[in-house]
Amino acid sequence: MSRRGTAEEKTAKFDPIYRNRLVNILVNRKALAIRWLLGASRKCPGRNMAFKLSSELVDAAKGSGDALRKKEETHRMAEANRAFAHFR
């Protein structure tokens, strides 16, 4: 007789750090920056990923590049939608 796996009940544990919205924004900010850098690196043609990522990091330090353009575009969209933030 085969035994079926029993589903354990998953309970969400409360983490007091994430209650503070500012901390959550700080954590997401780093993840978004890394995601944008990797996405921009994958898009550009080059020899290998290390070379593409290093060139994207240099471009970001200079103030140009696709990742920085994506950040500025996101900020423009946030400014444009600021008036509608109180509607939930």
N, C-alpha and C. Protein backbone atom coordinates (compact mmCIF):
# COMPACT_ATOMS: atom_id res chain seq x y z
N MET A 1 0.84 -1.17 0.00
CA MET A 1 0.00 0.00 0.00
C MET A 1 0.89 1.24 0.00
N SER A 2 0.67 2.10 -0.99
CA SER A 2 1.50 3.30 -1.07
C SER A 2 0.98 4.34 -0.10
N ARG A 3 1.88 5.09 0.35
CA ARG A 3 1.53 6.10 1.35
C ARG A 3 1.62 7.47 0.72
N ARG A 4 0.55 8.20 0.77
CA ARG A 4 0.56 9.55 0.20
C ARG A 4 1.23 10.51 1.16
N GLY A 5 1.89 11.49 0.57
CA GLY A 5 2.53 12.50 1.39
C GLY A 5 1.49 13.39 2.06
N THR A 6 1.69 13.67 3.29
CA THR A 6 0.75 14.53 4.00
C THR A 6 1.18 15.97 3.81
N ALA A 7 0.22 16.80 3.57
CA ALA A 7 0.51 18.22 3.38
C ALA A 7 0.63 18.89 4.74
N GLU A 8 1.78 19.45 5.00
CA GLU A 8 1.96 20.16 6.25
C GLU A 8 1.39 21.56 6.11
N GLU A 9 0.80 22.01 7.15
CA GLU A 9 0.20 23.34 7.12
C GLU A 9 1.31 24.38 7.25
N LYS A 10 1.35 25.26 6.28
CA LYS A 10 2.37 26.31 6.30
C LYS A 10 1.81 27.53 7.00
N THR A 11 2.50 27.99 7.98
CA THR A 11 2.06 29.19 8.69
C THR A 11 3.03 30.31 8.39
N ALA A 12 2.50 31.46 8.14
CA ALA A 12 3.34 32.62 7.87
C ALA A 12 3.87 33.15 9.19
N LYS A 13 5.17 33.21 9.30
CA LYS A 13 5.77 33.73 10.52
C LYS A 13 5.91 35.23 10.40
N PHE A 14 5.58 35.92 11.44
CA PHE A 14 5.63 37.37 11.45
C PHE A 14 7.06 37.82 11.73
N ASP A 15 7.57 38.68 10.89
CA ASP A 15 8.91 39.21 11.05
C ASP A 15 8.81 40.69 11.35
N PRO A 16 9.21 41.12 12.54
CA PRO A 16 9.04 42.54 12.88
C PRO A 16 9.87 43.50 12.04
N ILE A 17 10.92 43.00 11.40
CA ILE A 17 11.74 43.89 10.57
C ILE A 17 10.94 44.38 9.37
N TYR A 18 10.15 43.50 8.77
CA TYR A 18 9.43 43.87 7.57
C TYR A 18 8.15 44.64 7.86
N ARG A 19 7.85 44.87 9.12
CA ARG A 19 6.71 45.72 9.45
C ARG A 19 7.04 47.16 9.09
N ASN A 20 8.29 47.52 9.21
CA ASN A 20 8.73 48.86 8.87
C ASN A 20 8.87 48.95 7.35
N ARG A 21 8.13 49.85 6.75
CA ARG A 21 8.10 49.93 5.29
C ARG A 21 9.44 50.43 4.73
N LEU A 22 10.13 51.27 5.46
CA LEU A 22 11.40 51.80 4.99
C LEU A 22 12.43 50.69 4.82
N VAL A 23 12.47 49.76 5.75
CA VAL A 23 13.42 48.65 5.66
C VAL A 23 13.09 47.80 4.44
N ASN A 24 11.81 47.57 4.19
CA ASN A 24 11.41 46.78 3.04
C ASN A 24 11.83 47.46 1.74
N ILE A 25 11.70 48.77 1.68
CA ILE A 25 12.11 49.51 0.50
C ILE A 25 13.63 49.41 0.31
N LEU A 26 14.38 49.48 1.41
CA LEU A 26 15.84 49.39 1.31
C LEU A 26 16.27 48.01 0.80
N VAL A 27 15.60 46.97 1.25
CA VAL A 27 15.93 45.62 0.79
C VAL A 27 15.59 45.47 -0.68
N ASN A 28 14.42 45.96 -1.09
CA ASN A 28 14.01 45.84 -2.48
C ASN A 28 14.88 46.68 -3.40
N ARG A 29 15.41 47.79 -2.90
CA ARG A 29 16.21 48.68 -3.74
C ARG A 29 17.46 47.97 -4.24
N LYS A 30 18.12 47.23 -3.37
CA LYS A 30 19.33 46.52 -3.79
C LYS A 30 19.01 45.41 -4.78
N ALA A 31 17.92 44.69 -4.52
CA ALA A 31 17.54 43.60 -5.41
C ALA A 31 17.16 44.13 -6.79
N LEU A 32 16.46 45.26 -6.83
CA LEU A 32 16.09 45.85 -8.11
C LEU A 32 17.32 46.32 -8.87
N ALA A 33 18.27 46.92 -8.17
CA ALA A 33 19.49 47.39 -8.84
C ALA A 33 20.26 46.22 -9.46
N ILE A 34 20.37 45.13 -8.72
CA ILE A 34 21.07 43.96 -9.24
C ILE A 34 20.32 43.37 -10.43
N ARG A 35 18.99 43.32 -10.33
CA ARG A 35 18.18 42.78 -11.42
C ARG A 35 18.32 43.62 -12.68
N TRP A 36 18.33 44.95 -12.52
CA TRP A 36 18.47 45.84 -13.68
C TRP A 36 19.85 45.71 -14.30
N LEU A 37 20.89 45.60 -13.46
CA LEU A 37 22.25 45.45 -13.99
C LEU A 37 22.39 44.14 -14.77
N LEU A 38 21.86 43.06 -14.22
CA LEU A 38 21.96 41.77 -14.92
C LEU A 38 21.15 41.77 -16.21
N GLY A 39 19.97 42.38 -16.18
CA GLY A 39 19.15 42.43 -17.39
C GLY A 39 19.80 43.23 -18.49
N ALA A 40 20.40 44.36 -18.13
CA ALA A 40 21.09 45.18 -19.12
C ALA A 40 22.33 44.46 -19.64
N SER A 41 22.99 43.70 -18.78
CA SER A 41 24.18 42.95 -19.21
C SER A 41 23.81 41.85 -20.18
N ARG A 42 22.70 41.19 -19.94
CA ARG A 42 22.28 40.10 -20.83
C ARG A 42 21.89 40.62 -22.20
N LYS A 43 21.36 41.86 -22.25
CA LYS A 43 20.90 42.41 -23.53
C LYS A 43 22.04 42.79 -24.45
N CYS A 44 23.12 43.32 -23.90
CA CYS A 44 24.18 43.84 -24.76
C CYS A 44 25.04 42.70 -25.31
N PRO A 45 25.50 42.85 -26.55
CA PRO A 45 26.34 41.81 -27.14
C PRO A 45 27.76 41.90 -26.57
N GLY A 46 28.39 40.78 -26.43
CA GLY A 46 29.74 40.77 -25.90
C GLY A 46 30.31 39.37 -25.88
N ARG A 47 31.51 39.25 -25.34
CA ARG A 47 32.19 37.96 -25.35
C ARG A 47 31.58 37.00 -24.34
N ASN A 48 31.59 37.38 -23.09
CA ASN A 48 31.02 36.52 -22.06
C ASN A 48 30.32 37.39 -21.01
N MET A 49 29.67 36.75 -20.08
CA MET A 49 28.85 37.47 -19.12
C MET A 49 29.71 38.34 -18.19
N ALA A 50 30.89 37.88 -17.84
CA ALA A 50 31.75 38.67 -16.96
C ALA A 50 32.15 39.98 -17.62
N PHE A 51 32.48 39.93 -18.89
CA PHE A 51 32.85 41.14 -19.62
C PHE A 51 31.67 42.08 -19.75
N LYS A 52 30.49 41.52 -20.06
CA LYS A 52 29.30 42.36 -20.23
C LYS A 52 28.88 43.01 -18.92
N LEU A 53 28.96 42.23 -17.82
CA LEU A 53 28.58 42.79 -16.52
C LEU A 53 29.57 43.85 -16.07
N SER A 54 30.85 43.62 -16.31
CA SER A 54 31.84 44.63 -15.91
C SER A 54 31.67 45.92 -16.71
N SER A 55 31.37 45.79 -17.99
CA SER A 55 31.17 47.01 -18.79
C SER A 55 29.90 47.74 -18.36
N GLU A 56 28.87 47.00 -17.96
CA GLU A 56 27.65 47.65 -17.48
C GLU A 56 27.89 48.35 -16.14
N LEU A 57 28.70 47.75 -15.28
CA LEU A 57 29.05 48.40 -14.01
C LEU A 57 29.85 49.67 -14.24
N VAL A 58 30.77 49.65 -15.19
CA VAL A 58 31.55 50.84 -15.51
C VAL A 58 30.65 51.93 -16.07
N ASP A 59 29.71 51.54 -16.94
CA ASP A 59 28.76 52.51 -17.49
C ASP A 59 27.90 53.11 -16.39
N ALA A 60 27.49 52.29 -15.43
CA ALA A 60 26.67 52.80 -14.33
C ALA A 60 27.47 53.77 -13.46
N ALA A 61 28.75 53.49 -13.27
CA ALA A 61 29.58 54.40 -12.49
C ALA A 61 29.79 55.72 -13.22
N LYS A 62 29.82 55.68 -14.54
CA LYS A 62 29.99 56.90 -15.33
C LYS A 62 28.70 57.71 -15.43
N GLY A 63 27.57 57.06 -15.15
CA GLY A 63 26.29 57.76 -15.22
C GLY A 63 25.53 57.52 -16.50
N SER A 64 25.90 56.48 -17.22
CA SER A 64 25.19 56.11 -18.44
C SER A 64 24.91 54.62 -18.38
N GLY A 65 24.29 54.09 -19.40
CA GLY A 65 24.02 52.66 -19.44
C GLY A 65 22.54 52.36 -19.33
N ASP A 66 22.19 51.14 -19.70
CA ASP A 66 20.79 50.74 -19.73
C ASP A 66 20.19 50.62 -18.33
N ALA A 67 20.97 50.15 -17.36
CA ALA A 67 20.44 49.98 -16.01
C ALA A 67 20.09 51.34 -15.40
N LEU A 68 20.93 52.32 -15.62
CA LEU A 68 20.65 53.66 -15.09
C LEU A 68 19.48 54.30 -15.82
N ARG A 69 19.37 54.04 -17.10
CA ARG A 69 18.23 54.54 -17.87
C ARG A 69 16.93 53.94 -17.36
N LYS A 70 16.96 52.65 -17.00
CA LYS A 70 15.78 51.98 -16.46
C LYS A 70 15.38 52.59 -15.12
N LYS A 71 16.37 52.93 -14.29
CA LYS A 71 16.11 53.55 -12.99
C LYS A 71 15.45 54.91 -13.18
N GLU A 72 15.98 55.71 -14.09
CA GLU A 72 15.41 57.04 -14.32
C GLU A 72 14.00 56.94 -14.90
N GLU A 73 13.78 55.96 -15.76
CA GLU A 73 12.44 55.76 -16.32
C GLU A 73 11.44 55.38 -15.23
N THR A 74 11.87 54.54 -14.30
CA THR A 74 11.00 54.14 -13.19
C THR A 74 10.67 55.33 -12.31
N HIS A 75 11.66 56.19 -12.06
CA HIS A 75 11.41 57.38 -11.24
C HIS A 75 10.45 58.34 -11.94
N ARG A 76 10.59 58.49 -13.25
CA ARG A 76 9.65 59.35 -13.99
C ARG A 76 8.23 58.82 -13.90
N MET A 77 8.08 57.50 -14.02
CA MET A 77 6.75 56.90 -13.91
C MET A 77 6.17 57.09 -12.51
N ALA A 78 7.02 56.98 -11.48
CA ALA A 78 6.55 57.17 -10.11
C ALA A 78 6.10 58.61 -9.89
N GLU A 79 6.84 59.56 -10.43
CA GLU A 79 6.45 60.97 -10.32
C GLU A 79 5.14 61.23 -11.04
N ALA A 80 4.96 60.61 -12.20
CA ALA A 80 3.74 60.82 -12.96
C ALA A 80 2.53 60.21 -12.26
N ASN A 81 2.73 59.11 -11.54
CA ASN A 81 1.62 58.43 -10.88
C ASN A 81 1.46 58.81 -9.42
N ARG A 82 2.23 59.78 -8.95
CA ARG A 82 2.17 60.18 -7.55
C ARG A 82 0.79 60.71 -7.17
N ALA A 83 0.12 61.38 -8.09
CA ALA A 83 -1.18 61.97 -7.79
C ALA A 83 -2.23 60.90 -7.52
N PHE A 84 -2.03 59.71 -8.05
CA PHE A 84 -3.01 58.65 -7.89
C PHE A 84 -2.66 57.68 -6.77
N ALA A 85 -1.67 58.01 -5.94
CA ALA A 85 -1.21 57.08 -4.91
C ALA A 85 -2.23 56.88 -3.80
N HIS A 86 -3.10 57.85 -3.58
CA HIS A 86 -4.05 57.70 -2.46
C HIS A 86 -5.25 56.83 -2.83
N PHE A 87 -5.41 56.46 -4.10
CA PHE A 87 -6.49 55.55 -4.50
C PHE A 87 -6.01 54.12 -4.30
N ARG A 88 -6.71 53.35 -3.48
CA ARG A 88 -6.31 51.95 -3.30
C ARG A 88 -7.46 51.06 -3.55
